[in-house]
N, C-alpha and C. Protein backbone atom coordinates (compact mmCIF):
# COMPACT_ATOMS: atom_id res chain seq x y z
N MET A 1 -2.27 174.52 -4.98
CA MET A 1 -1.47 173.61 -2.96
C MET A 1 -2.26 172.43 -2.65
N CYS A 2 -1.09 171.89 -2.27
CA CYS A 2 -1.89 170.24 -1.53
C CYS A 2 -2.88 170.59 -0.43
N ARG A 3 -3.76 169.86 -0.33
CA ARG A 3 -5.17 170.81 0.06
C ARG A 3 -4.86 169.77 1.39
N ASN A 4 -3.53 168.76 2.53
CA ASN A 4 -2.92 168.28 3.46
C ASN A 4 -2.89 168.96 4.21
N ILE A 5 -2.10 171.05 3.46
CA ILE A 5 -1.73 171.93 3.89
C ILE A 5 -2.15 172.58 4.88
N LYS A 6 -2.15 171.96 6.58
CA LYS A 6 -3.66 173.45 7.04
C LYS A 6 -2.15 174.60 7.81
N THR A 7 -2.98 175.40 8.14
CA THR A 7 -2.68 177.31 8.23
C THR A 7 -2.61 176.33 9.25
N LEU A 8 -0.89 176.47 9.49
CA LEU A 8 -0.75 176.91 12.02
C LEU A 8 -0.02 178.03 12.17
N TYR A 9 0.01 178.83 11.38
CA TYR A 9 0.63 180.47 11.80
C TYR A 9 -1.56 181.23 13.19
N ASN A 10 -0.92 181.68 14.50
CA ASN A 10 -2.24 182.11 14.67
C ASN A 10 -3.34 181.34 15.47
N PHE A 11 -2.38 179.74 16.14
CA PHE A 11 -3.72 179.53 16.50
C PHE A 11 -2.62 179.49 18.39
N GLU A 12 -4.12 178.34 19.38
CA GLU A 12 -3.80 178.54 20.06
C GLU A 12 -4.56 176.88 20.96
N PRO A 13 -3.76 176.66 20.81
CA PRO A 13 -1.99 175.84 21.47
C PRO A 13 -1.85 176.29 19.99
N PRO A 14 -0.27 176.74 19.89
CA PRO A 14 1.09 176.74 18.11
C PRO A 14 1.28 175.43 17.82
N ALA A 15 1.19 175.24 16.97
CA ALA A 15 0.93 174.51 16.46
C ALA A 15 2.13 174.28 16.73
N THR A 16 2.73 172.59 17.23
CA THR A 16 3.62 171.78 17.39
C THR A 16 5.09 171.48 16.08
N GLY A 17 6.16 170.74 16.79
CA GLY A 17 6.79 170.54 15.70
C GLY A 17 5.91 168.92 14.33
N ASP A 18 5.46 168.19 15.18
CA ASP A 18 5.05 167.48 14.06
C ASP A 18 4.23 168.10 13.22
N GLU A 19 3.43 168.79 13.78
CA GLU A 19 2.56 169.62 12.44
C GLU A 19 3.34 170.28 11.29
N VAL A 20 4.10 170.52 12.19
CA VAL A 20 5.22 172.13 10.59
C VAL A 20 6.24 170.52 9.97
N ARG A 21 6.24 169.73 10.49
CA ARG A 21 7.56 167.85 9.84
C ARG A 21 5.92 167.76 8.47
N ALA A 22 4.79 167.88 9.15
CA ALA A 22 4.22 166.94 8.66
C ALA A 22 3.50 167.97 7.80
N ALA A 23 3.39 169.46 7.32
CA ALA A 23 3.22 170.00 6.74
C ALA A 23 4.90 170.11 4.98
N ALA A 24 5.26 169.88 5.60
CA ALA A 24 6.42 169.83 5.40
C ALA A 24 6.23 168.83 4.11
N LEU A 25 6.79 167.32 4.99
CA LEU A 25 6.53 166.25 4.12
C LEU A 25 5.87 166.65 3.18
N GLN A 26 3.98 166.83 2.98
CA GLN A 26 3.27 166.29 2.61
C GLN A 26 4.05 167.86 1.35
N PHE A 27 4.41 169.23 1.31
CA PHE A 27 4.78 170.10 0.55
C PHE A 27 5.80 168.34 -0.20
N VAL A 28 6.61 168.06 0.14
CA VAL A 28 8.02 167.59 -0.22
C VAL A 28 7.36 167.03 -1.47
N ARG A 29 7.00 166.15 -1.08
CA ARG A 29 5.44 164.78 -1.76
C ARG A 29 4.95 165.75 -3.04
N LYS A 30 4.69 166.78 -2.98
CA LYS A 30 3.45 167.34 -3.67
C LYS A 30 4.70 168.07 -4.88
N VAL A 31 5.90 168.74 -4.23
CA VAL A 31 7.20 169.30 -5.34
C VAL A 31 8.50 167.89 -5.77
N SER A 32 7.96 166.75 -5.57
CA SER A 32 8.04 165.59 -5.96
C SER A 32 7.90 164.76 -6.26
N GLY A 33 6.39 165.11 -6.14
CA GLY A 33 5.79 163.52 -6.87
C GLY A 33 5.86 162.22 -6.64
N PHE A 34 6.98 162.65 -5.27
CA PHE A 34 6.63 160.45 -4.32
C PHE A 34 5.74 160.95 -3.61
N ASN A 35 5.54 159.95 -3.11
CA ASN A 35 4.02 159.56 -2.30
C ASN A 35 6.00 158.35 -1.37
N LYS A 36 6.29 158.64 -1.60
CA LYS A 36 7.25 157.83 -0.74
C LYS A 36 8.63 157.39 -1.61
N PRO A 37 9.70 158.19 -1.87
CA PRO A 37 10.53 157.80 -2.99
C PRO A 37 11.42 157.10 -2.82
N SER A 38 12.24 156.74 -3.98
CA SER A 38 13.77 155.19 -3.85
C SER A 38 14.61 154.64 -2.58
N LYS A 39 15.09 154.57 -2.65
CA LYS A 39 16.63 154.18 -1.69
C LYS A 39 17.45 155.64 -2.19
N VAL A 40 17.30 155.49 -3.71
CA VAL A 40 18.63 155.69 -4.43
C VAL A 40 17.77 157.81 -3.71
N ASN A 41 16.14 157.61 -3.96
CA ASN A 41 16.56 159.12 -3.50
C ASN A 41 15.64 159.66 -2.11
N GLU A 42 15.33 159.34 -1.69
CA GLU A 42 15.39 159.06 0.08
C GLU A 42 15.87 160.02 0.78
N ALA A 43 17.24 159.77 0.93
CA ALA A 43 18.26 161.10 1.20
C ALA A 43 17.84 162.31 0.72
N ALA A 44 17.85 162.84 -0.11
CA ALA A 44 18.03 164.11 -0.73
C ALA A 44 15.57 164.18 -0.10
N PHE A 45 15.44 163.46 -0.55
CA PHE A 45 13.93 163.92 -0.17
C PHE A 45 13.74 164.61 1.36
N ASN A 46 14.38 163.41 2.84
CA ASN A 46 14.57 163.36 3.33
C ASN A 46 14.95 164.60 4.02
N ALA A 47 15.86 165.15 3.06
CA ALA A 47 17.11 166.56 3.88
C ALA A 47 15.90 168.00 3.03
N ALA A 48 15.17 167.38 2.73
CA ALA A 48 14.37 168.67 1.70
C ALA A 48 13.66 168.81 3.04
N VAL A 49 12.51 167.88 3.30
CA VAL A 49 11.93 168.43 3.62
C VAL A 49 12.21 168.27 6.00
N ASP A 50 13.46 168.42 6.02
CA ASP A 50 14.18 168.12 7.43
C ASP A 50 14.29 169.68 7.20
N GLU A 51 14.90 170.99 5.63
CA GLU A 51 15.15 171.96 5.63
C GLU A 51 13.44 172.61 5.18
N ILE A 52 13.06 172.61 4.97
CA ILE A 52 11.54 172.58 4.89
C ILE A 52 11.07 173.35 6.42
N THR A 53 11.28 172.75 7.52
CA THR A 53 10.41 172.01 8.56
C THR A 53 11.69 173.38 9.10
N ALA A 54 12.38 173.69 9.55
CA ALA A 54 13.51 174.84 9.46
C ALA A 54 12.95 175.36 8.98
N ALA A 55 13.20 175.91 7.92
CA ALA A 55 12.09 176.66 7.96
C ALA A 55 10.59 177.70 7.46
N ALA A 56 10.22 176.56 7.76
CA ALA A 56 8.40 176.90 8.42
C ALA A 56 8.70 177.46 9.29
N THR A 57 9.60 177.04 10.75
CA THR A 57 9.60 176.98 11.98
C THR A 57 10.49 178.69 12.55
N ARG A 58 11.26 178.37 12.10
CA ARG A 58 12.04 180.49 11.18
C ARG A 58 10.17 181.16 11.30
N LEU A 59 9.50 180.25 10.09
CA LEU A 59 9.14 181.34 9.73
C LEU A 59 7.76 181.95 10.84
N LEU A 60 7.30 180.68 11.46
CA LEU A 60 6.06 180.52 11.90
C LEU A 60 6.58 181.73 13.47
N ALA A 61 8.03 181.75 14.48
CA ALA A 61 8.74 182.57 14.86
C ALA A 61 8.47 183.43 15.10
N ALA A 62 8.71 184.73 13.55
CA ALA A 62 9.27 185.61 12.91
C ALA A 62 7.70 186.05 12.43
N LEU A 63 6.53 185.05 12.45
CA LEU A 63 4.71 186.18 12.20
C LEU A 63 5.03 186.67 13.50
N GLU A 64 4.24 188.41 13.31
CA GLU A 64 3.33 188.80 14.89
C GLU A 64 2.37 189.05 13.55
N THR A 65 0.90 189.51 14.86
CA THR A 65 -0.13 189.82 14.08
C THR A 65 -1.02 190.25 15.85
N THR A 66 -1.90 191.13 15.65
CA THR A 66 -3.00 191.81 16.63
C THR A 66 -4.08 190.64 16.89
N ALA A 67 -3.61 189.77 16.14
CA ALA A 67 -5.74 189.17 15.34
C ALA A 67 -5.59 188.22 16.80
N PRO A 68 -6.56 187.59 17.92
CA PRO A 68 -6.67 186.63 18.60
C PRO A 68 -6.49 185.36 18.02
N PRO A 69 -6.09 184.08 18.63
CA PRO A 69 -5.34 183.00 18.70
C PRO A 69 -6.39 182.88 18.54
N LYS A 70 -7.03 181.77 16.88
CA LYS A 70 -8.02 180.77 16.39
C LYS A 70 -7.91 179.76 17.06
N ASN A 71 -8.94 179.61 17.68
CA ASN A 71 -9.87 178.01 18.46
C ASN A 71 -9.80 176.93 17.52
N ARG A 72 -8.41 176.15 17.33
CA ARG A 72 -8.49 174.99 16.83
C ARG A 72 -9.69 174.45 16.77
N GLU A 73 -9.98 174.24 17.68
CA GLU A 73 -11.35 173.34 17.40
C GLU A 73 -13.30 173.54 16.59
N ALA A 74 -12.98 174.95 16.92
CA ALA A 74 -13.47 175.63 16.40
C ALA A 74 -13.49 176.17 14.42
N GLU A 75 -12.00 176.24 13.81
CA GLU A 75 -11.48 175.96 12.78
C GLU A 75 -12.16 174.87 12.34
N THR A 76 -12.08 173.60 13.50
CA THR A 76 -12.45 172.75 12.41
C THR A 76 -14.09 172.15 12.44
N VAL A 77 -14.27 172.62 13.04
CA VAL A 77 -16.10 172.32 12.69
C VAL A 77 -16.15 173.42 11.16
N ARG A 78 -15.71 174.80 11.54
CA ARG A 78 -15.64 175.64 10.45
C ARG A 78 -15.02 175.44 9.02
N LEU A 79 -14.51 174.17 9.18
CA LEU A 79 -14.16 174.13 8.16
C LEU A 79 -15.04 172.45 7.97
N ARG A 80 -15.56 171.34 8.74
CA ARG A 80 -16.25 171.07 8.18
C ARG A 80 -17.95 170.63 7.54
N ALA A 81 -17.98 171.63 8.03
CA ALA A 81 -19.00 172.32 7.75
C ALA A 81 -18.96 172.64 6.50
N ARG A 82 -17.62 173.74 5.67
CA ARG A 82 -17.70 174.33 4.78
C ARG A 82 -17.67 173.15 3.10
N SER A 83 -16.79 171.92 3.56
CA SER A 83 -16.61 171.23 3.13
C SER A 83 -18.00 170.38 3.03
N ALA A 84 -18.30 170.00 3.79
CA ALA A 84 -19.73 169.38 3.75
C ALA A 84 -21.05 170.42 2.50
N GLN A 85 -20.56 171.57 2.39
CA GLN A 85 -21.32 171.78 1.64
C GLN A 85 -20.54 172.19 0.87
N ARG A 86 -19.51 171.91 0.64
CA ARG A 86 -19.48 171.57 -1.24
C ARG A 86 -18.98 170.90 -1.73
N PHE A 87 -19.09 169.39 -1.41
CA PHE A 87 -19.28 168.70 -1.62
C PHE A 87 -20.68 167.59 -1.23
N ALA A 88 -21.27 168.48 -1.18
CA ALA A 88 -23.09 167.98 -0.78
C ALA A 88 -23.60 167.73 -2.96
N LYS A 89 -22.53 168.92 -3.45
CA LYS A 89 -23.56 169.00 -4.67
C LYS A 89 -23.63 167.82 -5.47
């Protein structure tokens, strides 16, 4: 899985359209192997990003949970501490 794709579900405030699109872009980059597609492949690349953005948006809207929403700042601090511990070796 792409390390840059972050969990977007069950946060307060909810994920923005820009965050969902950024995750879709990272996914398409990973699957295609292109960081930036050539002119020939640009339309297909952009269409894939649009389709995945729409699918991810529908998914996030349809998911249900009884867990309380996560705090973005607290999760960021937790993940940074985990990363520092992991890469300090």
